[in-house]
């Protein structure tokens, strides 16, 4: 077993605890979140393509 000084043990346990606590918002990402972000990305893409097409149609 690896022997660590008390400061390192406290630091490591604090980092691990923080990582576990901070990942909770990631659990909220579900199908609805994917659908919303996909719709936003699709709309953004279509608007960009529409602008590019309207610019190139004039030439």
C-alpha atoms as a PDB file:
ATOM      1  CA  UNK A   1       0.000   0.000   0.000  1.00  0.00           C
ATOM      2  CA  UNK A   2       1.244   3.459  -0.870  1.00  0.00           C
ATOM      3  CA  UNK A   3       1.995   5.596   2.158  1.00  0.00           C
ATOM      4  CA  UNK A   4       1.029   9.248   1.743  1.00  0.00           C
ATOM      5  CA  UNK A   5       1.404  12.158   4.102  1.00  0.00           C
ATOM      6  CA  UNK A   6      -1.847  13.477   5.641  1.00  0.00           C
ATOM      7  CA  UNK A   7      -1.830  16.632   3.474  1.00  0.00           C
ATOM      8  CA  UNK A   8      -1.732  14.586   0.255  1.00  0.00           C
ATOM      9  CA  UNK A   9      -4.542  12.340   1.512  1.00  0.00           C
ATOM     10  CA  UNK A  10      -6.719  15.363   2.286  1.00  0.00           C
ATOM     11  CA  UNK A  11      -5.884  16.991  -1.050  1.00  0.00           C
ATOM     12  CA  UNK A  12      -6.672  13.846  -3.030  1.00  0.00           C
ATOM     13  CA  UNK A  13      -9.910  13.194  -1.194  1.00  0.00           C
ATOM     14  CA  UNK A  14     -10.952  16.832  -1.711  1.00  0.00           C
ATOM     15  CA  UNK A  15     -10.255  16.620  -5.437  1.00  0.00           C
ATOM     16  CA  UNK A  16     -12.152  13.340  -5.794  1.00  0.00           C
ATOM     17  CA  UNK A  17     -15.096  14.637  -3.788  1.00  0.00           C
ATOM     18  CA  UNK A  18     -15.216  17.830  -5.866  1.00  0.00           C
ATOM     19  CA  UNK A  19     -15.131  15.853  -9.098  1.00  0.00           C
ATOM     20  CA  UNK A  20     -18.010  13.673  -7.960  1.00  0.00           C
ATOM     21  CA  UNK A  21     -20.114  16.610  -6.785  1.00  0.00           C
ATOM     22  CA  UNK A  22     -19.467  18.723  -9.876  1.00  0.00           C
ATOM     23  CA  UNK A  23     -20.513  16.028 -12.307  1.00  0.00           C
ATOM     24  CA  UNK A  24     -24.114  15.981 -11.025  1.00  0.00           C
ATOM     25  CA  UNK A  25     -25.300  18.568 -13.591  1.00  0.00           C
ATOM     26  CA  UNK A  26     -24.109  16.205 -16.319  1.00  0.00           C
ATOM     27  CA  UNK A  27     -26.709  13.679 -15.177  1.00  0.00           C
ATOM     28  CA  UNK A  28     -29.440  16.152 -16.119  1.00  0.00           C
ATOM     29  CA  UNK A  29     -28.504  15.867 -19.809  1.00  0.00           C
ATOM     30  CA  UNK A  30     -31.267  13.743 -21.293  1.00  0.00           C
ATOM     31  CA  UNK A  31     -33.108  13.199 -24.565  1.00  0.00           C
ATOM     32  CA  UNK A  32     -34.869  16.561 -24.354  1.00  0.00           C
ATOM     33  CA  UNK A  33     -31.541  18.344 -23.895  1.00  0.00           C
ATOM     34  CA  UNK A  34     -30.132  16.604 -26.942  1.00  0.00           C
ATOM     35  CA  UNK A  35     -33.212  17.496 -28.983  1.00  0.00           C
ATOM     36  CA  UNK A  36     -33.031  21.180 -28.027  1.00  0.00           C
ATOM     37  CA  UNK A  37     -29.309  21.482 -28.766  1.00  0.00           C
ATOM     38  CA  UNK A  38     -29.813  19.622 -32.056  1.00  0.00           C
ATOM     39  CA  UNK A  39     -32.640  21.959 -33.068  1.00  0.00           C
ATOM     40  CA  UNK A  40     -30.514  25.012 -32.271  1.00  0.00           C
ATOM     41  CA  UNK A  41     -27.581  23.617 -34.246  1.00  0.00           C
ATOM     42  CA  UNK A  42     -29.826  22.736 -37.193  1.00  0.00           C
ATOM     43  CA  UNK A  43     -31.409  26.182 -37.232  1.00  0.00           C
ATOM     44  CA  UNK A  44     -28.004  27.857 -37.047  1.00  0.00           C
ATOM     45  CA  UNK A  45     -26.705  25.679 -39.884  1.00  0.00           C
ATOM     46  CA  UNK A  46     -29.738  26.337 -42.086  1.00  0.00           C
ATOM     47  CA  UNK A  47     -29.522  30.093 -41.521  1.00  0.00           C
ATOM     48  CA  UNK A  48     -25.836  30.104 -42.464  1.00  0.00           C
ATOM     49  CA  UNK A  49     -26.460  28.007 -45.553  1.00  0.00           C
ATOM     50  CA  UNK A  50     -29.362  30.250 -46.577  1.00  0.00           C
ATOM     51  CA  UNK A  51     -27.117  33.324 -46.328  1.00  0.00           C
ATOM     52  CA  UNK A  52     -24.399  31.616 -48.377  1.00  0.00           C
ATOM     53  CA  UNK A  53     -26.901  30.495 -50.998  1.00  0.00           C
ATOM     54  CA  UNK A  54     -28.482  33.916 -51.289  1.00  0.00           C
ATOM     55  CA  UNK A  55     -25.038  35.507 -51.726  1.00  0.00           C
ATOM     56  CA  UNK A  56     -23.972  33.037 -54.425  1.00  0.00           C
ATOM     57  CA  UNK A  57     -27.286  33.215 -56.307  1.00  0.00           C
ATOM     58  CA  UNK A  58     -26.581  36.816 -57.271  1.00  0.00           C
ATOM     59  CA  UNK A  59     -23.442  35.854 -59.220  1.00  0.00           C
END
